[in-house]
Protein backbone atom coordinates (compact mmCIF):
# COMPACT_ATOMS: atom_id res chain seq x y z
CA MET A 1 4.46 -26.39 -1.51
CA GLY A 2 6.03 -22.95 -2.21
CA ASN A 3 6.89 -19.54 -0.83
CA PHE A 4 4.76 -16.44 -0.52
CA THR A 5 5.92 -13.36 -2.42
CA GLY A 6 5.14 -9.73 -1.74
CA LEU A 7 4.79 -10.13 2.02
CA GLU A 8 6.37 -6.70 2.47
CA PHE A 9 2.90 -5.42 1.65
CA PHE A 10 1.75 -6.18 5.21
CA ASN A 11 4.37 -3.92 6.79
CA GLN A 12 3.72 -0.94 4.55
CA HIS A 13 0.87 1.53 4.81
CA PRO A 14 0.55 3.52 1.58
CA GLU A 15 -2.86 4.85 2.58
CA LYS A 16 -1.30 6.58 5.61
CA LEU A 17 1.41 8.16 3.48
CA LEU A 18 -1.17 9.44 0.99
CA THR A 19 -3.40 10.74 3.79
CA ASP A 20 -0.43 12.59 5.26
CA ILE A 21 0.28 14.21 1.88
CA LYS A 22 -3.37 15.18 1.46
CA ASP A 23 -3.51 16.70 4.95
CA LYS A 24 -0.29 18.60 4.39
CA LEU A 25 -1.58 19.96 1.07
CA TYR A 26 -4.70 21.23 2.83
CA ALA A 27 -2.48 22.88 5.45
CA LEU A 28 -0.36 24.40 2.68
CA GLU A 29 -3.45 26.07 1.30
CA SER A 30 -3.62 28.35 4.34
CA PHE A 31 0.13 28.66 4.88
CA ASP A 32 1.45 32.23 5.00
CA ALA A 33 5.05 32.01 3.78
CA ARG A 34 5.71 35.71 4.41
CA GLY A 35 4.46 35.53 7.98
CA ALA A 36 6.19 32.24 8.81
CA ASN A 37 9.51 32.09 10.57
CA ALA A 38 12.60 30.66 8.88
CA ARG A 39 12.32 27.32 10.67
CA THR A 40 8.72 26.77 9.54
CA ARG A 41 9.57 27.70 5.94
CA LYS A 42 12.52 25.31 6.04
CA GLU A 43 10.22 22.50 7.27
CA TRP A 44 7.85 23.13 4.36
CA VAL A 45 10.70 23.16 1.85
CA SER A 46 12.02 19.91 3.31
CA TRP A 47 8.56 18.33 3.12
CA ALA A 48 8.12 19.45 -0.50
CA GLY A 49 11.48 17.90 -1.35
CA GLU A 50 10.31 14.55 0.05
CA ILE A 51 7.03 14.29 -1.87
CA GLU A 52 8.52 12.51 -4.87
CA ARG A 53 10.21 9.91 -2.64
CA THR A 54 6.95 9.41 -0.75
CA PHE A 55 5.15 8.66 -4.01
CA GLU A 56 7.92 6.21 -4.91
CA ILE A 57 7.41 4.43 -1.57
CA VAL A 58 3.66 4.25 -2.22
CA GLU A 59 4.31 2.86 -5.70
CA GLU A 60 6.67 0.21 -4.30
CA SER A 61 4.12 -0.75 -1.67
CA LEU A 62 1.40 -1.18 -4.28
CA ALA A 63 3.76 -3.30 -6.38
CA HIS A 64 4.30 -5.55 -3.34
CA ALA A 65 0.53 -5.81 -2.94
CA VAL A 66 0.11 -6.89 -6.56
CA ARG A 67 2.85 -9.50 -6.09
CA PHE A 68 1.18 -10.73 -2.91
CA PHE A 69 -2.18 -11.25 -4.61
CA CYS A 70 -0.67 -13.30 -7.44
CA GLN A 71 -2.21 -16.66 -8.22
CA ASN A 72 0.79 -18.57 -6.83
CA ASN A 73 0.20 -17.03 -3.39
CA LEU A 74 -3.53 -17.66 -3.58
CA ASN A 75 -2.79 -21.31 -4.39
CA LEU A 76 -0.75 -21.56 -1.17
CA LEU A 77 -3.55 -20.28 1.09
CA PRO A 78 -5.42 -23.61 1.38
CA HIS A 79 -2.27 -25.15 2.87
CA LEU A 80 -2.50 -22.70 5.78
CA ALA A 81 -6.08 -23.60 6.66
CA THR A 82 -6.81 -26.27 9.24
CA ALA A 83 -10.53 -26.85 8.63
CA VAL A 84 -11.56 -28.74 5.49
CA ARG A 85 -14.32 -26.23 4.76
CA ASP A 86 -11.81 -23.35 4.91
CA LYS A 87 -9.42 -25.22 2.61
CA GLU A 88 -12.19 -25.64 0.05
CA LYS A 89 -13.11 -21.94 0.18
CA LEU A 90 -9.50 -20.82 -0.06
CA SER A 91 -8.78 -23.14 -2.97
CA GLN A 92 -11.44 -21.32 -5.02
CA LEU A 93 -9.82 -17.88 -4.73
CA ARG A 94 -8.54 -16.32 -7.94
CA TRP A 95 -7.06 -12.95 -8.83
CA SER A 96 -9.11 -11.06 -11.40
CA THR A 97 -6.80 -8.87 -13.47
CA ALA A 98 -9.83 -7.25 -15.07
CA GLU A 99 -11.34 -6.27 -11.70
CA HIS A 100 -8.04 -5.92 -9.80
CA ARG A 101 -9.35 -7.94 -6.87
CA VAL A 102 -9.54 -11.44 -5.47
CA ILE A 103 -12.66 -13.35 -6.51
CA SER A 104 -14.06 -16.72 -5.52
CA GLY A 105 -14.71 -19.33 -8.14
């Protein structure tokens, strides 16, 4: 049979991390550094220092997703199905590198 790879993908949420960055950037647009207290400025500096690591986490998560959608994993899916019709459908799934998505057929 085989083993699934890239399952870490299901426990990671890169879209949430990116949404948080986007929201924080919008908040930064109206941030008044001169009027902010020292604690608030320190929080912003800390957040800015973490952006690069956040992007690295997103990149790692997307790499796990690519590994999960590899053909070897797709070939294992029919073994998880209980209905014959589902097994047939799952056995036709393929990863399209050109389209970067799973296709049937």
